[in-house]
Amino acid sequence: MIRRRPRWPRARRLAPLALPMLWGLTAIAWKLTCPLAQRVDLATRAATSAVFFAVGTVLVLGACRSLYRELSQLQAVAQAAQQVLLRPLPPCLDGLSVAAAQIAAVRGASVGGDLYEAVTTPHGVRVIIGDVRGHGLSALGAVAAVLGSFREAAHEEPGLGGVLRRLDRALQRYVGERADEGGTEAPEEFVTVLLLDIRRSGEILVLNCGHPGPFRLGCQSVEPLGVGDPLPPLGAFPLPDTLPVRRCARLLAGESLFLYTDGAAEARDATGRFFPLEDVLAAAVRAVPQTPSALVEHVRRALLAHGGGRLEDDAALVAVSNDRLRSPCTRVPAQSTESGLRRRRPAPSSR
């Protein structure tokens, strides 16, 4: 059964204001045409004004309450949908600690045109971060298409190249469906994408489509992680036959990766100065405990302070830390090292 959309959705939203408007017109008509309203004595005028004011106030308050209730319901639905679309990352994935934050350029929205996800697969922990052309709620369709495809392909494809091709096909389908619905040419839609595969050994495989490379954070150092020459953004051009998956340096125990989108690197303050992301990360390494959540929160606060409380573009921040030798995510043998050493100690000589 196909349900028809209401013909006048805007009129239905304005229905609570009908009674206050009708009452206001009645008051004007009373003032202009009723003989009683023309009387000059103060008591009559005060009484009629009080009646109209009281009834009008009750009607306006009722309309405001109805509109507020509808707005609260819409916000609850929107927040639930946004949480499903860009769900919170688990704090731990196969011994890796993970944290993320999203800063939407549109006020009142918790997601925008940036995307990220991290999942544990048979091939390693796979991470994606991307930036859809444009920002705000209008980019949510492309975000949903790319994230939905990644969550499925990351488990099924043995290589990052296969994952990227699945993302490209999903984006092309989304663009084609939009063109069919609008009856016009396919809109120009592209997404910068950075795919990472972090193996159990700490080896990092990277496939980059026009996205900024991550930073690698050591004990007292911050350096860009070399990801090679990137491909064009996804959807801008057809993918080549050979995809350049790059093997990067290993992520050692205690080291972290910090991923971000253009909204963070290109944020400006009132004087036009760009956000000094690398300097902020260096300060965080010296001052903040080396946990992904503390690192992301430190950068988020500095970014908002730099932009005066809001950004012109969406920004996403993701931190991944290798805690496999010290994290509760990793299973600890039941027998401690000390007791194992005692068990392996040779027996005393009988002499």
Protein backbone atom coordinates (compact mmCIF):
# COMPACT_ATOMS: atom_id res chain seq x y z
CA MET A 1 0.00 0.00 0.00
CA ILE A 2 1.44 3.35 -1.05
CA ARG A 3 0.74 6.26 1.24
CA ARG A 4 0.30 9.62 -0.36
CA ARG A 5 2.14 12.58 1.00
CA PRO A 6 -0.03 15.36 2.43
CA ARG A 7 -0.69 18.07 -0.12
CA TRP A 8 -0.18 20.94 2.27
CA PRO A 9 2.62 20.01 4.73
CA ARG A 10 3.48 23.66 5.39
CA ALA A 11 -0.16 24.48 6.15
CA ARG A 12 -0.30 21.63 8.63
CA ARG A 13 2.81 22.92 10.41
CA LEU A 14 1.23 26.38 10.70
CA ALA A 15 -2.13 25.07 11.93
CA PRO A 16 -1.42 25.82 15.64
CA LEU A 17 -1.09 29.52 14.73
CA ALA A 18 -4.54 29.66 13.12
CA LEU A 19 -6.49 30.36 16.33
CA PRO A 20 -4.22 33.21 17.55
CA MET A 21 -4.35 34.82 14.10
CA LEU A 22 -8.13 34.45 13.96
CA TRP A 23 -8.43 35.97 17.40
CA GLY A 24 -6.22 38.89 16.37
CA LEU A 25 -8.43 39.57 13.33
CA THR A 26 -11.49 39.41 15.57
CA ALA A 27 -9.96 41.98 17.91
CA ILE A 28 -9.23 44.33 15.01
CA ALA A 29 -12.75 43.95 13.63
CA TRP A 30 -14.20 44.60 17.11
CA LYS A 31 -12.16 47.75 17.49
CA LEU A 32 -13.13 49.15 14.10
CA THR A 33 -16.80 48.16 13.76
CA CYS A 34 -18.41 47.45 17.14
CA PRO A 35 -20.25 50.46 18.71
CA LEU A 36 -19.32 49.30 22.18
CA ALA A 37 -15.63 49.65 21.31
CA GLN A 38 -16.21 53.27 20.34
CA ARG A 39 -17.33 54.30 23.79
CA VAL A 40 -15.05 56.80 25.43
CA ASP A 41 -15.39 55.70 29.03
CA LEU A 42 -12.20 54.18 30.42
CA ALA A 43 -13.87 51.26 32.24
CA THR A 44 -15.39 49.78 29.08
CA ARG A 45 -12.18 50.09 27.15
CA ALA A 46 -10.13 48.56 29.96
CA ALA A 47 -12.54 45.62 30.35
CA THR A 48 -12.63 44.77 26.62
CA SER A 49 -8.87 45.14 26.30
CA ALA A 50 -8.30 42.85 29.28
CA VAL A 51 -10.61 40.18 27.83
CA PHE A 52 -8.95 40.27 24.42
CA PHE A 53 -5.47 40.26 25.95
CA ALA A 54 -6.20 37.32 28.27
CA VAL A 55 -7.80 35.16 25.60
CA GLY A 56 -5.09 36.06 23.08
CA THR A 57 -2.36 35.21 25.56
CA VAL A 58 -3.88 31.78 26.27
CA LEU A 59 -4.15 31.03 22.55
CA VAL A 60 -0.57 32.13 21.84
CA LEU A 61 0.81 30.07 24.72
CA GLY A 62 -1.13 27.04 23.51
CA ALA A 63 0.23 27.48 20.00
CA CYS A 64 3.79 27.86 21.28
CA ARG A 65 3.43 24.74 23.41
CA SER A 66 2.17 22.75 20.44
CA LEU A 67 5.01 23.96 18.22
CA TYR A 68 7.58 23.25 20.93
CA ARG A 69 6.25 19.72 21.36
CA GLU A 70 6.49 19.11 17.61
CA LEU A 71 10.00 20.56 17.48
CA SER A 72 11.12 18.31 20.36
CA GLN A 73 9.79 15.25 18.55
CA LEU A 74 11.57 16.22 15.33
CA GLN A 75 14.84 16.79 17.19
CA ALA A 76 14.57 13.41 18.91
CA VAL A 77 13.97 11.65 15.59
CA ALA A 78 16.84 13.54 13.94
CA GLN A 79 19.27 12.73 16.74
CA ALA A 80 18.30 9.04 16.65
CA ALA A 81 18.81 8.92 12.87
CA GLN A 82 22.15 10.72 13.15
CA GLN A 83 23.36 8.32 15.84
CA VAL A 84 22.54 5.37 13.58
CA LEU A 85 24.24 6.99 10.60
CA LEU A 86 27.41 8.07 12.42
CA ARG A 87 27.35 5.78 15.42
CA PRO A 88 29.86 6.23 18.26
CA LEU A 89 33.03 4.24 17.79
CA PRO A 90 33.78 1.44 20.27
CA PRO A 91 36.53 2.49 22.69
CA CYS A 92 38.55 -0.64 21.97
CA LEU A 93 39.07 -2.70 18.80
CA ASP A 94 41.37 -5.72 18.93
CA GLY A 95 43.82 -4.02 21.27
CA LEU A 96 43.57 -0.59 19.65
CA SER A 97 42.04 2.27 21.64
CA VAL A 98 39.82 4.49 19.50
CA ALA A 99 38.05 7.83 19.96
CA ALA A 100 36.35 10.26 17.58
CA ALA A 101 34.47 13.55 17.53
CA GLN A 102 32.40 15.39 14.95
CA ILE A 103 31.84 19.15 14.79
CA ALA A 104 29.02 20.09 12.43
CA ALA A 105 28.98 23.48 10.76
CA VAL A 106 25.16 23.58 10.92
CA ARG A 107 23.90 24.55 14.36
CA GLY A 108 21.67 21.95 15.97
CA ALA A 109 23.08 19.08 13.90
CA SER A 110 25.37 16.40 15.33
CA VAL A 111 26.59 15.12 11.94
CA GLY A 112 27.33 16.76 8.64
CA GLY A 113 29.32 16.04 5.53
CA ASP A 114 32.21 14.21 7.25
CA LEU A 115 32.28 10.48 7.93
CA TYR A 116 34.35 8.00 9.89
CA GLU A 117 34.15 4.40 11.04
CA ALA A 118 36.41 1.74 12.54
CA VAL A 119 35.65 -1.99 12.56
CA THR A 120 37.42 -5.21 13.49
CA THR A 121 37.61 -7.62 10.56
CA PRO A 122 39.39 -10.90 9.79
CA HIS A 123 41.89 -8.81 7.82
CA GLY A 124 42.73 -6.37 10.62
CA VAL A 125 41.25 -3.23 12.13
CA ARG A 126 40.00 -1.10 9.26
CA VAL A 127 39.42 2.63 9.57
CA ILE A 128 37.82 5.07 7.17
CA ILE A 129 37.59 8.84 7.32
CA GLY A 130 36.15 10.98 4.56
CA ASP A 131 34.75 14.34 3.57
CA VAL A 132 31.76 14.75 1.25
CA ARG A 133 31.64 17.70 -1.12
CA GLY A 134 29.69 20.44 0.64
CA HIS A 135 28.69 20.34 4.27
CA GLY A 136 25.69 20.16 6.53
CA LEU A 137 22.55 18.09 6.26
CA SER A 138 22.52 18.15 2.45
CA ALA A 139 25.55 15.81 2.41
CA LEU A 140 23.99 13.10 4.60
CA GLY A 141 22.85 11.02 1.63
CA ALA A 142 26.37 10.53 0.32
CA VAL A 143 27.63 9.89 3.86
CA ALA A 144 25.05 7.13 4.32
CA ALA A 145 25.91 5.54 0.96
CA VAL A 146 29.67 5.43 1.65
CA LEU A 147 29.43 4.33 5.28
CA GLY A 148 26.86 1.63 4.55
CA SER A 149 29.06 0.18 1.84
CA PHE A 150 32.19 0.33 4.02
CA ARG A 151 30.57 -1.49 6.93
CA GLU A 152 29.81 -4.40 4.64
CA ALA A 153 32.85 -4.39 2.36
CA ALA A 154 35.40 -4.08 5.18
CA HIS A 155 34.48 -7.59 6.37
CA GLU A 156 34.20 -9.19 2.95
CA GLU A 157 37.05 -7.76 0.89
CA PRO A 158 40.54 -9.12 1.63
CA GLY A 159 42.28 -5.97 0.33
CA LEU A 160 41.75 -2.24 0.61
CA GLY A 161 41.49 -2.00 -3.17
CA GLY A 162 38.36 -4.14 -3.16
CA VAL A 163 36.89 -2.03 -0.37
CA LEU A 164 37.50 1.18 -2.31
CA ARG A 165 35.87 -0.19 -5.46
CA ARG A 166 32.79 -1.14 -3.45
CA LEU A 167 32.63 2.40 -2.05
CA ASP A 168 32.91 3.83 -5.55
CA ARG A 169 30.04 1.68 -6.84
CA ALA A 170 27.85 2.64 -3.87
CA LEU A 171 28.50 6.35 -4.46
CA GLN A 172 27.72 6.00 -8.17
CA ARG A 173 24.42 4.27 -7.36
CA TYR A 174 23.48 7.04 -4.96
CA VAL A 175 24.27 9.74 -7.52
CA GLY A 176 22.26 7.88 -10.17
CA GLU A 177 19.26 7.51 -7.88
CA ARG A 178 19.31 11.24 -7.11
CA ALA A 179 19.38 12.01 -10.82
CA ASP A 180 16.42 9.67 -11.46
CA GLU A 181 14.38 11.26 -8.68
CA GLY A 182 15.08 14.80 -9.85
CA GLY A 183 14.70 14.06 -13.54
CA THR A 184 17.91 15.97 -14.31
CA GLU A 185 21.53 15.17 -14.97
CA ALA A 186 23.49 13.38 -12.26
CA PRO A 187 24.71 15.91 -9.67
CA GLU A 188 28.43 16.39 -9.15
CA GLU A 189 29.22 14.44 -6.00
CA PHE A 190 32.65 13.39 -4.78
CA VAL A 191 34.15 12.25 -1.49
CA THR A 192 37.71 12.35 -0.20
CA VAL A 193 38.47 9.03 1.46
CA LEU A 194 41.34 7.68 3.54
CA LEU A 195 41.33 3.92 4.20
CA LEU A 196 43.61 2.30 6.78
CA ASP A 197 44.24 -1.35 7.56
CA ILE A 198 46.11 -1.84 10.86
CA ARG A 199 47.38 -5.41 11.20
CA ARG A 200 48.11 -7.30 14.39
CA SER A 201 51.84 -6.71 13.86
CA GLY A 202 51.23 -2.94 13.81
CA GLU A 203 51.80 -2.72 10.05
CA ILE A 204 49.71 0.00 8.42
CA LEU A 205 48.28 -0.24 4.89
CA VAL A 206 46.89 3.00 3.45
CA LEU A 207 44.80 3.84 0.40
CA ASN A 208 44.19 7.54 -0.09
CA CYS A 209 41.72 9.34 -2.38
CA GLY A 210 42.44 13.04 -2.01
CA HIS A 211 42.29 13.12 1.79
CA PRO A 212 44.82 14.69 4.20
CA GLY A 213 47.25 12.16 5.61
CA PRO A 214 47.23 11.37 9.34
CA PHE A 215 49.76 12.34 11.96
CA ARG A 216 51.80 9.77 13.84
CA LEU A 217 52.29 10.59 17.51
CA GLY A 218 55.12 9.09 19.52
CA CYS A 219 56.20 9.62 23.10
CA GLN A 220 57.42 13.16 22.44
CA SER A 221 57.10 13.51 18.67
CA VAL A 222 54.51 14.40 16.04
CA GLU A 223 55.16 13.68 12.37
CA PRO A 224 53.02 13.28 9.25
CA LEU A 225 52.55 9.69 8.19
CA GLY A 226 53.71 9.31 4.59
CA VAL A 227 50.83 8.00 2.49
CA GLY A 228 52.30 8.58 -0.98
CA ASP A 229 50.66 10.34 -3.90
CA PRO A 230 46.88 10.27 -3.41
CA LEU A 231 44.28 9.28 -5.98
CA PRO A 232 41.62 11.85 -6.98
CA PRO A 233 38.58 12.08 -4.70
CA LEU A 234 36.12 9.24 -4.99
CA GLY A 235 33.49 9.94 -7.63
CA ALA A 236 35.44 12.69 -9.41
CA PHE A 237 37.06 10.29 -11.93
CA PRO A 238 36.88 6.55 -12.63
CA LEU A 239 39.24 4.49 -10.50
CA PRO A 240 42.40 3.24 -12.23
CA ASP A 241 42.97 -0.45 -12.90
CA THR A 242 45.74 -0.60 -10.30
CA LEU A 243 45.18 0.96 -6.90
CA PRO A 244 48.34 2.10 -5.03
CA VAL A 245 47.98 0.56 -1.58
CA ARG A 246 50.92 1.89 0.45
CA ARG A 247 52.68 0.05 3.26
CA CYS A 248 53.63 2.52 5.95
CA ALA A 249 55.79 2.26 9.03
CA ARG A 250 54.50 0.09 11.84
CA LEU A 251 52.41 1.56 14.63
CA LEU A 252 54.40 0.57 17.70
CA ALA A 253 53.02 0.04 21.16
CA GLY A 254 52.17 3.36 22.79
CA GLU A 255 52.08 5.26 19.49
CA SER A 256 48.95 6.88 18.06
CA LEU A 257 47.50 7.98 14.76
CA PHE A 258 45.47 11.16 14.46
CA LEU A 259 43.11 11.44 11.48
CA TYR A 260 41.19 14.57 10.54
CA THR A 261 39.23 16.25 7.76
CA ASP A 262 39.77 19.55 5.96
CA GLY A 263 37.38 21.33 8.30
CA ALA A 264 39.98 21.03 11.06
CA ALA A 265 43.07 21.92 9.05
CA GLU A 266 41.46 24.85 7.21
CA ALA A 267 39.58 26.45 10.11
CA ARG A 268 40.38 30.15 10.44
CA ASP A 269 40.17 32.60 13.30
CA ALA A 270 38.91 36.18 13.13
CA THR A 271 42.21 37.34 11.60
CA GLY A 272 42.19 34.66 8.89
CA ARG A 273 44.91 32.51 10.46
CA PHE A 274 44.65 28.78 9.86
CA PHE A 275 44.29 26.38 12.77
CA PRO A 276 47.80 25.19 13.79
CA LEU A 277 46.88 21.52 14.04
CA GLU A 278 50.41 20.11 14.21
CA ASP A 279 51.38 22.56 16.97
CA VAL A 280 48.25 21.70 18.94
CA LEU A 281 49.05 17.98 18.62
CA ALA A 282 52.61 18.61 19.78
CA ALA A 283 51.31 20.47 22.82
CA ALA A 284 48.84 17.66 23.48
CA VAL A 285 51.61 15.07 23.40
CA ARG A 286 53.48 16.99 26.11
CA ALA A 287 50.51 17.94 28.29
CA VAL A 288 47.66 15.46 27.77
CA PRO A 289 47.66 11.81 28.86
CA GLN A 290 48.23 9.59 25.84
CA THR A 291 44.67 8.32 25.44
CA PRO A 292 42.66 8.79 22.23
CA SER A 293 39.69 10.33 24.05
CA ALA A 294 41.87 12.92 25.83
CA LEU A 295 43.70 13.71 22.59
CA VAL A 296 40.49 14.20 20.59
CA GLU A 297 38.93 16.35 23.30
CA HIS A 298 42.05 18.51 23.55
CA VAL A 299 42.05 19.17 19.79
CA ARG A 300 38.27 19.72 19.70
CA ARG A 301 38.41 22.41 22.37
CA ALA A 302 41.36 24.13 20.73
CA LEU A 303 39.60 24.04 17.36
CA LEU A 304 36.40 25.60 18.69
CA ALA A 305 38.37 28.25 20.57
CA HIS A 306 40.28 29.06 17.39
CA GLY A 307 37.06 29.40 15.38
CA GLY A 308 35.22 31.47 17.96
CA GLY A 309 32.81 28.72 18.96
CA ARG A 310 31.75 27.57 15.49
CA LEU A 311 33.27 26.42 12.20
CA GLU A 312 32.55 27.29 8.59
CA ASP A 313 32.93 23.64 7.54
CA ASP A 314 32.29 20.28 9.17
CA ALA A 315 35.24 18.71 10.98
CA ALA A 316 35.90 15.13 12.08
CA LEU A 317 38.65 13.99 14.44
CA VAL A 318 39.73 10.36 14.99
CA ALA A 319 42.53 9.03 17.19
CA VAL A 320 43.79 5.43 17.23
CA SER A 321 46.34 4.23 19.78
CA ASN A 322 48.23 0.93 19.81
CA ASP A 323 47.76 -0.39 23.34
CA ARG A 324 48.02 -4.07 22.45
CA LEU A 325 50.78 -4.76 24.98
CA ARG A 326 49.14 -2.94 27.88
CA SER A 327 45.44 -2.57 27.08
CA PRO A 328 42.63 -4.55 28.76
CA CYS A 329 41.39 -5.17 25.22
CA THR A 330 44.11 -7.77 24.86
CA ARG A 331 43.66 -11.03 26.69
CA VAL A 332 46.19 -11.49 29.46
CA PRO A 333 47.46 -15.02 30.14
CA ALA A 334 46.09 -16.51 33.30
CA GLN A 335 49.58 -17.23 34.60
CA SER A 336 51.64 -14.14 35.36
CA THR A 337 55.14 -13.69 34.00
CA GLU A 338 56.67 -13.86 37.43
CA SER A 339 55.06 -17.21 38.26
CA GLY A 340 56.02 -18.50 34.80
CA LEU A 341 59.62 -17.62 35.48
CA ARG A 342 59.44 -19.39 38.78
CA ARG A 343 58.00 -22.46 37.05
CA ARG A 344 60.80 -22.50 34.49
CA ARG A 345 63.54 -21.99 37.11
CA PRO A 346 65.73 -25.11 37.23
CA ALA A 347 65.45 -27.31 40.27
CA PRO A 348 68.19 -26.97 42.88
CA SER A 349 71.04 -29.43 42.63
CA SER A 350 70.87 -32.49 44.86
CA ARG A 351 74.50 -32.06 45.76
